[in-house]
Amino acid sequence: MGIRFNKRIKIAPGIKVNVGLGGVSTTFGGRGASINVGKRGVKGSASIPGTGISYSKILSSSRTQTRALKEEQRRKRESERIQRLSKVTLELNEENGTVTIFDSDGEELKGRDKTFIFDSQSGIIQGWLQDEVDKINGDIELLQDIFLDSPNIDIHPEYQIQEYDVPKPVKLAKEVPPAEPVKEHIPNLGFFARLFQNKRDMHALRLTDAENNHKLDLSKWSLLCKSIDFEYDKYLSKFKDEVSDWKVAKELHEQAEVFRKDSFRLELLSNNELMDEILASTIELMEWPRETIVDFQITNDGHAIWLDVDLPEIEDLPQKVATIAANGKKLNIKNKVKKQLQLEYAQHIHGIGLRLACFALSSLPKAQMVVISGYSQRLNSGTGKLNEDYLYSTKFTRDGLRELNFDKLKNVDPVKSHDLFEVKRKMTATGIFKAIEPFNLRI
């Protein structure tokens, strides 16, 4: 994993004149590194763009331009160095825990360059080292505590009532009729127009036509308004029936859902196919740190459950343990001792069995016993072949599991929990398993 300082600012050479209360000074260089020549001497500064890291130093008290330019060249080289360090990559040696840092050109950093990165970016590097520690250690706590999400065996699945998903009819707004017609305005005749009979006759005719047209328009408008009222009254009657039908359908749906919920409880106690479906669904929805194979059989009319589980191999567990060194610049990595690894493995596989037993009995309220038999692929040194060896076979009972404190499963030792039941197991105090014959399936 690498650390990237992704903010990139182009550094262009340039000269600018600063005028202030102290006099005039000239700055050479661009962002990242610069030389300031003023009456107080030559001052150099450098920074890593975008990181907030910078420093400055009085380079000379001489006022001569020549020395300033020489110093500017040196600072330019320093700027190029800082720019080269603005993007670095970290690599971890997982054998000895040392950290190698490469610059943007792929060159390994050493000496003061490497120290500079460790000092200036200690927070980021510490986070990266912690990520590497987590990768090496794996989530061993999760593996050992895999049973902590086990449900209370007396809390059983229930049918979830489905809401009626048909939307209630929405009443539409009544159509807005057009505005009442306005009679055409006929202007009065002027003084001179009234002197002519034909003008007066024509004006009278226009007034009569306007009046007749207005009456006709009013009649049409009135009929249209009545039609709109009639159609909307007819729609309201239909809408009322739709709402009534919707309420009846909703009520019937809700009654049916309540019946399904009640009948589900009874079916879960009597329907063998439903039992198989519920148990299969429960196992499929369980989260596992690796692909896990579980075979199951429900017997004795639902009173007993038999589960065979493909356990992980001991090689699947994290084999090393890592911590960040005191100086914060490397990891201390060492192989786990054989006993520690074996005991962690025992905790994990017994936790798997306890977890499966609780989920199985929680999903099927009729079952009073669940037999968990765990097997693993192990090398037979005599034949050179892999055998599927059963490591334990435990008969968990509902009454026995009721003794567990499900509110504080953190206090439960999964290995000792199997000892509370009839168990077949050949395990030493150091966590070494010998193959056993599991309990026989009874139908």
Protein backbone atom coordinates (compact mmCIF):
# COMPACT_ATOMS: atom_id res chain seq x y z
CA MET A 1 0.00 0.00 0.00
CA GLY A 2 1.39 3.40 -0.88
CA ILE A 3 0.94 6.92 0.43
CA ARG A 4 0.34 9.51 -2.27
CA PHE A 5 0.50 13.25 -1.80
CA ASN A 6 -1.97 13.89 -4.55
CA LYS A 7 -2.11 17.67 -4.50
CA ARG A 8 0.17 18.92 -7.21
CA ILE A 9 1.06 22.58 -7.82
CA LYS A 10 3.12 23.62 -10.79
CA ILE A 11 6.28 25.46 -9.77
CA ALA A 12 7.37 27.99 -12.39
CA PRO A 13 10.53 30.11 -12.10
CA GLY A 14 10.00 33.86 -11.82
CA ILE A 15 11.09 37.14 -10.30
CA LYS A 16 8.82 39.47 -8.43
CA VAL A 17 9.40 42.75 -6.61
CA ASN A 18 7.93 43.24 -3.15
CA VAL A 19 7.47 46.83 -1.93
CA GLY A 20 6.81 47.25 1.79
CA LEU A 21 7.51 49.50 4.74
CA GLY A 22 10.95 48.02 5.17
CA GLY A 23 12.08 48.83 1.63
CA VAL A 24 12.24 47.02 -1.66
CA SER A 25 13.27 43.36 -2.00
CA THR A 26 13.45 40.99 -4.92
CA THR A 27 12.28 37.37 -4.83
CA PHE A 28 13.72 34.73 -7.12
CA GLY A 29 12.01 31.39 -7.69
CA GLY A 30 8.44 30.18 -7.64
CA ARG A 31 6.18 28.36 -5.24
CA GLY A 32 7.95 25.66 -3.26
CA ALA A 33 11.33 27.38 -2.90
CA SER A 34 12.47 30.98 -3.19
CA ILE A 35 15.31 33.39 -2.42
CA ASN A 36 14.61 36.84 -1.03
CA VAL A 37 17.30 39.47 -1.37
CA GLY A 38 16.73 42.59 0.73
CA LYS A 39 18.46 45.02 3.04
CA ARG A 40 18.51 42.38 5.82
CA GLY A 41 20.38 39.92 3.67
CA VAL A 42 19.46 36.76 1.78
CA LYS A 43 16.64 34.60 3.07
CA GLY A 44 15.71 31.23 1.57
CA SER A 45 12.50 29.26 2.00
CA ALA A 46 11.15 25.94 0.76
CA SER A 47 7.92 24.01 1.11
CA ILE A 48 6.04 20.96 -0.11
CA PRO A 49 3.08 22.35 -2.06
CA GLY A 50 -0.29 21.32 -0.76
CA THR A 51 1.02 19.84 2.50
CA GLY A 52 1.56 22.84 4.73
CA ILE A 53 5.20 21.80 5.31
CA SER A 54 7.69 24.66 4.90
CA TYR A 55 10.80 26.16 6.41
CA SER A 56 12.94 29.24 5.96
CA LYS A 57 16.49 30.25 6.85
CA ILE A 58 18.70 33.31 6.71
CA LEU A 59 21.31 32.33 4.19
CA SER A 60 23.65 35.28 4.26
CA SER A 61 23.97 38.75 5.63
CA SER A 62 25.82 39.85 2.52
CA ARG A 63 24.09 42.24 0.18
CA THR A 64 25.99 41.16 -2.89
CA GLN A 65 23.95 39.94 -5.82
CA THR A 66 26.51 37.29 -6.73
CA ARG A 67 26.27 35.38 -3.48
CA ALA A 68 22.51 35.62 -3.58
CA LEU A 69 22.38 34.09 -7.03
CA LYS A 70 24.69 31.27 -5.98
CA GLU A 71 22.53 30.64 -2.99
CA GLU A 72 19.46 30.75 -5.23
CA GLN A 73 20.93 27.95 -7.33
CA ARG A 74 21.48 25.87 -4.24
CA ARG A 75 17.97 26.51 -3.10
CA LYS A 76 16.67 25.56 -6.52
CA ARG A 77 18.35 22.20 -6.13
CA GLU A 78 16.75 21.95 -2.68
CA SER A 79 13.36 22.80 -4.22
CA GLU A 80 13.76 20.03 -6.76
CA ARG A 81 14.54 17.64 -3.92
CA ILE A 82 11.43 18.65 -2.02
CA GLN A 83 9.34 18.32 -5.17
CA ARG A 84 10.74 14.83 -5.63
CA LEU A 85 9.67 14.00 -2.07
CA SER A 86 6.14 15.36 -2.56
CA LYS A 87 4.97 11.96 -3.83
CA VAL A 88 6.32 8.85 -2.15
CA THR A 89 5.42 5.16 -1.98
CA LEU A 90 5.76 2.95 1.10
CA GLU A 91 6.49 -0.77 0.95
CA LEU A 92 6.51 -3.18 3.87
CA ASN A 93 8.76 -6.24 4.13
CA GLU A 94 6.43 -8.76 5.75
CA GLU A 95 9.35 -10.92 6.84
CA ASN A 96 11.19 -8.43 9.02
CA GLY A 97 8.71 -5.53 9.22
CA THR A 98 11.01 -2.88 7.75
CA VAL A 99 9.59 -0.02 5.68
CA THR A 100 11.12 1.10 2.39
CA ILE A 101 10.22 4.50 0.94
CA PHE A 102 10.48 5.33 -2.76
CA ASP A 103 10.34 8.80 -4.29
CA SER A 104 8.33 9.83 -7.35
CA ASP A 105 11.12 8.52 -9.61
CA GLY A 106 11.06 5.09 -7.97
CA GLU A 107 14.35 5.66 -6.18
CA GLU A 108 14.69 4.40 -2.61
CA LEU A 109 14.97 7.15 -0.01
CA LYS A 110 17.72 6.93 2.55
CA GLY A 111 19.35 9.08 5.19
CA ARG A 112 17.93 12.53 5.79
CA ASP A 113 15.34 12.19 3.00
CA LYS A 114 13.83 9.13 4.65
CA THR A 115 13.97 10.79 8.08
CA PHE A 116 12.27 13.88 6.64
CA ILE A 117 9.31 11.82 5.36
CA PHE A 118 8.96 9.91 8.65
CA ASP A 119 9.02 13.14 10.67
CA SER A 120 6.78 15.27 8.42
CA GLN A 121 4.16 12.60 7.69
CA SER A 122 4.20 10.59 10.90
CA GLY A 123 0.41 10.64 11.30
CA ILE A 124 -0.27 9.25 7.83
CA ILE A 125 2.49 6.66 8.16
CA GLN A 126 1.17 5.50 11.54
CA GLY A 127 -2.27 4.96 10.01
CA TRP A 128 -0.74 3.00 7.14
CA LEU A 129 1.31 0.86 9.54
CA GLN A 130 -1.85 0.10 11.57
CA ASP A 131 -3.61 -1.03 8.39
CA GLU A 132 -0.68 -3.36 7.68
CA VAL A 133 -0.86 -4.69 11.26
CA ASP A 134 -4.58 -5.44 10.81
CA LYS A 135 -3.90 -7.24 7.53
CA ILE A 136 -1.22 -9.44 9.04
CA ASN A 137 -3.09 -10.20 12.26
CA GLY A 138 -6.35 -10.73 10.42
CA ASP A 139 -9.56 -10.21 12.36
CA ILE A 140 -8.68 -12.87 14.90
CA GLU A 141 -11.13 -11.44 17.44
CA LEU A 142 -13.96 -11.84 14.93
CA LEU A 143 -12.88 -15.41 14.22
CA GLN A 144 -12.72 -16.32 17.91
CA ASP A 145 -15.95 -14.47 18.74
CA ILE A 146 -17.89 -15.67 15.69
CA PHE A 147 -20.70 -16.90 17.95
CA LEU A 148 -21.46 -13.51 19.51
CA ASP A 149 -24.34 -12.83 17.08
CA SER A 150 -26.09 -16.07 18.07
CA PRO A 151 -29.83 -15.45 18.59
CA ASN A 152 -31.83 -16.43 21.65
CA ILE A 153 -33.17 -19.89 20.83
CA ASP A 154 -36.66 -19.00 22.05
CA ILE A 155 -37.05 -16.06 19.67
CA HIS A 156 -38.51 -17.56 16.51
CA PRO A 157 -39.20 -16.24 13.00
CA GLU A 158 -42.55 -14.58 12.46
CA TYR A 159 -44.51 -13.85 9.34
CA GLN A 160 -44.07 -10.21 8.39
CA ILE A 161 -47.44 -8.69 7.57
CA GLN A 162 -47.37 -7.10 4.13
CA GLU A 163 -48.94 -3.69 3.76
CA TYR A 164 -51.71 -3.26 1.18
CA ASP A 165 -49.74 -1.80 -1.72
CA VAL A 166 -52.66 -0.62 -3.90
CA PRO A 167 -52.80 3.19 -3.63
CA LYS A 168 -56.02 4.78 -2.47
CA PRO A 169 -57.97 6.46 -5.31
CA VAL A 170 -57.29 10.17 -5.54
CA LYS A 171 -60.15 12.53 -6.31
CA LEU A 172 -59.58 14.62 -9.41
CA ALA A 173 -60.33 18.33 -9.41
CA LYS A 174 -63.37 19.60 -11.21
CA GLU A 175 -62.78 21.05 -14.66
CA VAL A 176 -62.78 24.83 -14.57
CA PRO A 177 -65.34 26.22 -17.08
CA PRO A 178 -64.36 29.06 -19.41
CA ALA A 179 -65.09 32.63 -18.38
CA GLU A 180 -68.58 34.00 -18.97
CA PRO A 181 -68.79 35.52 -22.48
CA VAL A 182 -68.60 39.32 -22.70
CA LYS A 183 -70.81 41.20 -25.13
CA GLU A 184 -68.97 42.90 -27.93
CA HIS A 185 -68.51 46.61 -27.27
CA ILE A 186 -69.94 48.83 -30.06
CA PRO A 187 -68.72 52.42 -29.72
CA ASN A 188 -71.26 55.25 -30.03
CA LEU A 189 -71.56 57.18 -33.31
CA GLY A 190 -69.79 60.45 -33.56
CA PHE A 191 -71.56 63.80 -34.09
CA PHE A 192 -71.14 63.91 -37.85
CA ALA A 193 -72.01 60.21 -38.30
CA ARG A 194 -75.35 60.75 -36.60
CA LEU A 195 -76.26 63.25 -39.35
CA PHE A 196 -76.50 60.40 -41.87
CA GLN A 197 -79.42 57.93 -41.79
CA ASN A 198 -77.46 55.04 -43.29
CA LYS A 199 -74.82 55.42 -40.59
CA ARG A 200 -77.48 55.35 -37.90
CA ASP A 201 -79.14 52.26 -39.44
CA MET A 202 -75.83 50.42 -39.70
CA HIS A 203 -74.96 51.25 -36.10
CA ALA A 204 -78.36 49.99 -34.91
CA LEU A 205 -77.82 46.74 -36.86
CA ARG A 206 -74.42 46.24 -35.24
CA LEU A 207 -75.91 46.77 -31.79
CA THR A 208 -78.65 44.21 -32.51
CA ASP A 209 -76.11 41.65 -33.84
CA ALA A 210 -73.90 42.15 -30.79
CA GLU A 211 -76.86 41.60 -28.48
CA ASN A 212 -78.01 38.45 -30.31
CA ASN A 213 -74.49 37.03 -30.47
CA HIS A 214 -74.03 37.64 -26.77
CA LYS A 215 -77.28 35.84 -25.95
CA LEU A 216 -76.19 32.89 -28.14
CA ASP A 217 -72.75 32.79 -26.48
CA LEU A 218 -74.37 32.90 -23.04
CA SER A 219 -76.63 29.99 -23.97
CA LYS A 220 -73.68 27.90 -25.18
CA TRP A 221 -71.66 28.80 -22.13
CA SER A 222 -74.51 27.85 -19.81
CA LEU A 223 -74.89 24.48 -21.54
CA LEU A 224 -71.13 23.85 -21.23
CA CYS A 225 -71.19 24.66 -17.51
CA LYS A 226 -74.11 22.32 -16.98
CA SER A 227 -72.29 19.60 -18.93
CA ILE A 228 -69.18 20.03 -16.79
CA ASP A 229 -71.31 19.84 -13.63
CA PHE A 230 -73.09 16.74 -14.90
CA GLU A 231 -69.88 14.91 -15.86
CA TYR A 232 -68.24 15.78 -12.55
CA ASP A 233 -71.26 14.59 -10.56
CA LYS A 234 -71.12 11.34 -12.53
CA TYR A 235 -67.35 11.06 -11.81
CA LEU A 236 -67.91 11.72 -8.08
CA SER A 237 -70.42 8.90 -7.93
CA LYS A 238 -67.94 6.56 -9.63
CA PHE A 239 -65.11 7.80 -7.42
CA LYS A 240 -67.18 7.12 -4.30
CA ASP A 241 -67.67 3.52 -5.47
CA GLU A 242 -63.92 3.17 -6.18
CA VAL A 243 -63.03 4.39 -2.67
CA SER A 244 -65.57 2.01 -1.17
CA ASP A 245 -64.18 -0.92 -3.20
CA TRP A 246 -60.63 0.04 -2.21
CA LYS A 247 -61.50 0.09 1.49
CA VAL A 248 -63.13 -3.35 1.22
CA ALA A 249 -60.12 -4.78 -0.64
CA LYS A 250 -57.73 -3.28 1.91
CA GLU A 251 -59.69 -4.70 4.81
CA LEU A 252 -59.78 -8.15 3.17
CA HIS A 253 -56.02 -7.98 2.56
CA GLU A 254 -55.30 -7.05 6.16
CA GLN A 255 -57.53 -9.86 7.44
CA ALA A 256 -55.78 -12.31 5.13
CA GLU A 257 -52.36 -11.14 6.34
CA VAL A 258 -53.36 -11.61 9.98
CA PHE A 259 -54.60 -15.09 9.09
CA ARG A 260 -51.31 -15.84 7.29
CA LYS A 261 -49.35 -14.71 10.33
CA ASP A 262 -51.38 -16.92 12.65
CA SER A 263 -51.30 -19.89 10.29
CA PHE A 264 -47.54 -19.43 9.75
CA ARG A 265 -46.93 -20.20 13.43
CA LEU A 266 -48.98 -23.38 13.11
CA GLU A 267 -47.40 -24.37 9.79
CA LEU A 268 -43.93 -23.93 11.22
CA LEU A 269 -44.83 -26.62 13.73
CA SER A 270 -46.37 -29.05 11.26
CA ASN A 271 -45.26 -28.38 7.66
CA ASN A 272 -42.00 -30.26 7.04
CA GLU A 273 -41.41 -28.54 3.71
CA LEU A 274 -41.73 -25.13 5.35
CA MET A 275 -39.28 -26.24 8.06
CA ASP A 276 -36.73 -27.19 5.40
CA GLU A 277 -37.27 -23.88 3.62
CA ILE A 278 -36.92 -21.79 6.79
CA LEU A 279 -33.79 -23.61 7.98
CA ALA A 280 -32.14 -23.39 4.56
CA SER A 281 -32.94 -19.69 4.35
CA THR A 282 -31.58 -19.10 7.86
CA ILE A 283 -28.26 -20.79 7.08
CA GLU A 284 -27.91 -18.98 3.74
CA LEU A 285 -28.43 -15.58 5.39
CA MET A 286 -25.76 -16.20 8.04
CA GLU A 287 -22.53 -14.30 7.37
CA TRP A 288 -19.29 -16.28 7.34
CA PRO A 289 -15.65 -15.12 7.09
CA ARG A 290 -15.07 -17.72 4.37
CA GLU A 291 -17.17 -19.93 2.13
CA THR A 292 -18.83 -22.51 4.36
CA ILE A 293 -20.66 -25.69 3.41
CA VAL A 294 -23.46 -26.88 5.71
CA ASP A 295 -25.50 -30.05 5.11
CA PHE A 296 -28.68 -30.55 7.11
CA GLN A 297 -31.49 -33.01 7.74
CA ILE A 298 -34.63 -32.55 9.84
CA THR A 299 -35.81 -35.77 11.51
CA ASN A 300 -38.29 -37.06 14.08
CA ASP A 301 -41.14 -35.04 12.58
CA GLY A 302 -39.25 -31.81 13.15
CA HIS A 303 -38.02 -32.51 16.67
CA ALA A 304 -34.37 -33.06 15.69
CA ILE A 305 -31.96 -31.27 13.34
CA TRP A 306 -28.71 -32.74 12.04
CA LEU A 307 -26.04 -30.42 10.67
CA ASP A 308 -22.66 -31.27 9.16
CA VAL A 309 -20.41 -28.24 8.72
CA ASP A 310 -17.22 -27.95 6.68
CA LEU A 311 -14.83 -26.31 9.14
CA PRO A 312 -11.89 -24.16 8.05
CA GLU A 313 -8.40 -25.61 8.21
CA ILE A 314 -5.97 -24.34 10.82
CA GLU A 315 -3.90 -22.92 7.97
CA ASP A 316 -6.76 -20.52 7.16
CA LEU A 317 -6.24 -18.63 10.42
CA PRO A 318 -3.70 -15.76 10.63
CA GLN A 319 -0.30 -17.37 11.20
CA LYS A 320 1.62 -14.27 12.33
CA VAL A 321 1.20 -11.50 14.85
CA ALA A 322 2.38 -7.93 14.22
CA THR A 323 2.74 -4.77 16.30
CA ILE A 324 4.06 -1.30 15.52
CA ALA A 325 7.60 -0.81 16.83
CA ALA A 326 8.20 1.78 19.55
CA ASN A 327 9.95 4.13 17.11
CA GLY A 328 6.91 4.07 14.82
CA LYS A 329 9.03 3.31 11.75
CA LYS A 330 8.66 -0.47 11.38
CA LEU A 331 6.62 -3.46 12.47
CA ASN A 332 7.58 -6.20 14.84
CA ILE A 333 6.41 -9.40 13.11
CA LYS A 334 6.72 -12.88 14.48
CA ASN A 335 5.15 -16.25 13.83
CA LYS A 336 2.58 -17.43 16.33
CA VAL A 337 3.70 -20.26 18.54
CA LYS A 338 2.07 -23.53 17.65
CA LYS A 339 0.08 -23.76 20.90
CA GLN A 340 -1.42 -20.26 20.48
CA LEU A 341 -2.47 -21.07 16.91
CA GLN A 342 -4.05 -24.38 17.94
CA LEU A 343 -6.01 -22.81 20.80
CA GLU A 344 -7.27 -19.98 18.56
CA TYR A 345 -8.37 -22.59 16.03
CA ALA A 346 -10.22 -24.55 18.74
CA GLN A 347 -12.03 -21.38 19.85
CA HIS A 348 -13.05 -20.61 16.27
CA ILE A 349 -14.42 -24.00 15.23
CA HIS A 350 -16.28 -24.53 18.52
CA GLY A 351 -17.78 -21.06 18.10
CA ILE A 352 -19.02 -22.10 14.65
CA GLY A 353 -20.80 -25.11 16.16
CA LEU A 354 -22.41 -23.09 18.96
CA ARG A 355 -23.53 -20.42 16.51
CA LEU A 356 -25.12 -22.92 14.13
CA ALA A 357 -26.94 -24.66 17.00
CA CYS A 358 -28.50 -21.38 18.19
CA PHE A 359 -29.56 -20.25 14.71
CA ALA A 360 -31.06 -23.66 13.91
CA LEU A 361 -33.13 -23.94 17.11
CA SER A 362 -34.21 -20.32 16.84
CA SER A 363 -35.51 -20.87 13.30
CA LEU A 364 -37.50 -24.04 14.11
CA PRO A 365 -39.49 -23.80 17.38
CA LYS A 366 -40.55 -27.45 17.23
CA ALA A 367 -36.98 -28.78 17.30
CA GLN A 368 -35.67 -29.79 20.72
CA MET A 369 -32.22 -31.01 19.67
CA VAL A 370 -29.64 -30.14 17.05
CA VAL A 371 -26.59 -32.31 16.36
CA ILE A 372 -23.62 -30.34 15.01
CA SER A 373 -20.78 -32.37 13.47
CA GLY A 374 -17.77 -30.46 12.22
CA TYR A 375 -15.22 -31.86 9.78
CA SER A 376 -12.06 -30.52 8.18
CA GLN A 377 -9.77 -31.52 5.31
CA ARG A 378 -6.49 -32.72 6.78
CA LEU A 379 -3.43 -34.37 5.28
CA ASN A 380 -2.92 -38.05 6.00
CA SER A 381 0.84 -38.33 6.25
CA GLY A 382 0.60 -42.08 5.65
CA THR A 383 -1.21 -41.86 2.30
CA GLY A 384 -0.35 -38.31 1.26
CA LYS A 385 -4.06 -37.68 0.64
CA LEU A 386 -6.53 -35.29 2.21
CA ASN A 387 -9.05 -36.84 4.57
CA GLU A 388 -12.31 -35.28 5.73
CA ASP A 389 -11.83 -35.82 9.45
CA TYR A 390 -14.63 -35.11 11.90
CA LEU A 391 -13.21 -33.08 14.80
CA TYR A 392 -16.28 -32.93 17.03
CA SER A 393 -19.93 -33.99 17.12
CA THR A 394 -22.19 -32.34 19.72
CA LYS A 395 -25.84 -32.89 20.65
CA PHE A 396 -27.13 -29.46 21.63
CA THR A 397 -30.52 -29.46 23.37
CA ARG A 398 -32.93 -26.56 23.65
CA ASP A 399 -33.14 -26.90 27.45
CA GLY A 400 -29.35 -26.95 27.70
CA LEU A 401 -28.86 -23.88 25.52
CA ARG A 402 -31.42 -21.99 27.61
CA GLU A 403 -28.73 -21.92 30.31
CA LEU A 404 -26.62 -19.56 28.18
CA ASN A 405 -26.69 -15.87 29.04
CA PHE A 406 -27.63 -14.53 25.60
CA ASP A 407 -27.34 -10.97 26.90
CA LYS A 408 -23.65 -11.51 27.71
CA LEU A 409 -22.34 -14.07 25.23
CA LYS A 410 -18.94 -12.39 25.54
CA ASN A 411 -18.59 -14.25 28.84
CA VAL A 412 -19.19 -17.63 27.18
CA ASP A 413 -16.25 -19.91 26.33
CA PRO A 414 -17.34 -21.70 23.14
CA VAL A 415 -15.06 -24.69 23.84
CA LYS A 416 -16.51 -25.20 27.33
CA SER A 417 -20.05 -24.67 26.02
CA HIS A 418 -19.78 -27.96 24.11
CA ASP A 419 -18.83 -29.70 27.37
CA LEU A 420 -22.33 -28.97 28.69
CA PHE A 421 -23.77 -31.44 26.18
CA GLU A 422 -23.16 -34.95 24.94
CA VAL A 423 -20.11 -34.52 22.74
CA LYS A 424 -17.73 -36.71 20.78
CA ARG A 425 -14.31 -35.08 20.62
CA LYS A 426 -10.63 -35.98 21.05
CA MET A 427 -8.86 -32.72 21.81
CA THR A 428 -5.76 -32.19 23.90
CA ALA A 429 -5.26 -29.31 26.31
CA THR A 430 -3.12 -27.61 23.67
CA GLY A 431 -5.86 -27.75 21.00
CA ILE A 432 -4.74 -30.78 18.97
CA PHE A 433 -7.65 -32.73 17.44
CA LYS A 434 -7.78 -36.40 16.55
CA ALA A 435 -10.40 -37.71 14.12
CA ILE A 436 -13.64 -39.05 15.64
CA GLU A 437 -16.75 -40.85 14.43
CA PRO A 438 -19.73 -38.46 14.57
CA PHE A 439 -23.13 -39.31 15.98
CA ASN A 440 -25.15 -41.41 13.55
CA LEU A 441 -28.09 -39.81 11.78
CA ARG A 442 -31.42 -41.06 13.09
CA ILE A 443 -34.49 -40.73 10.91
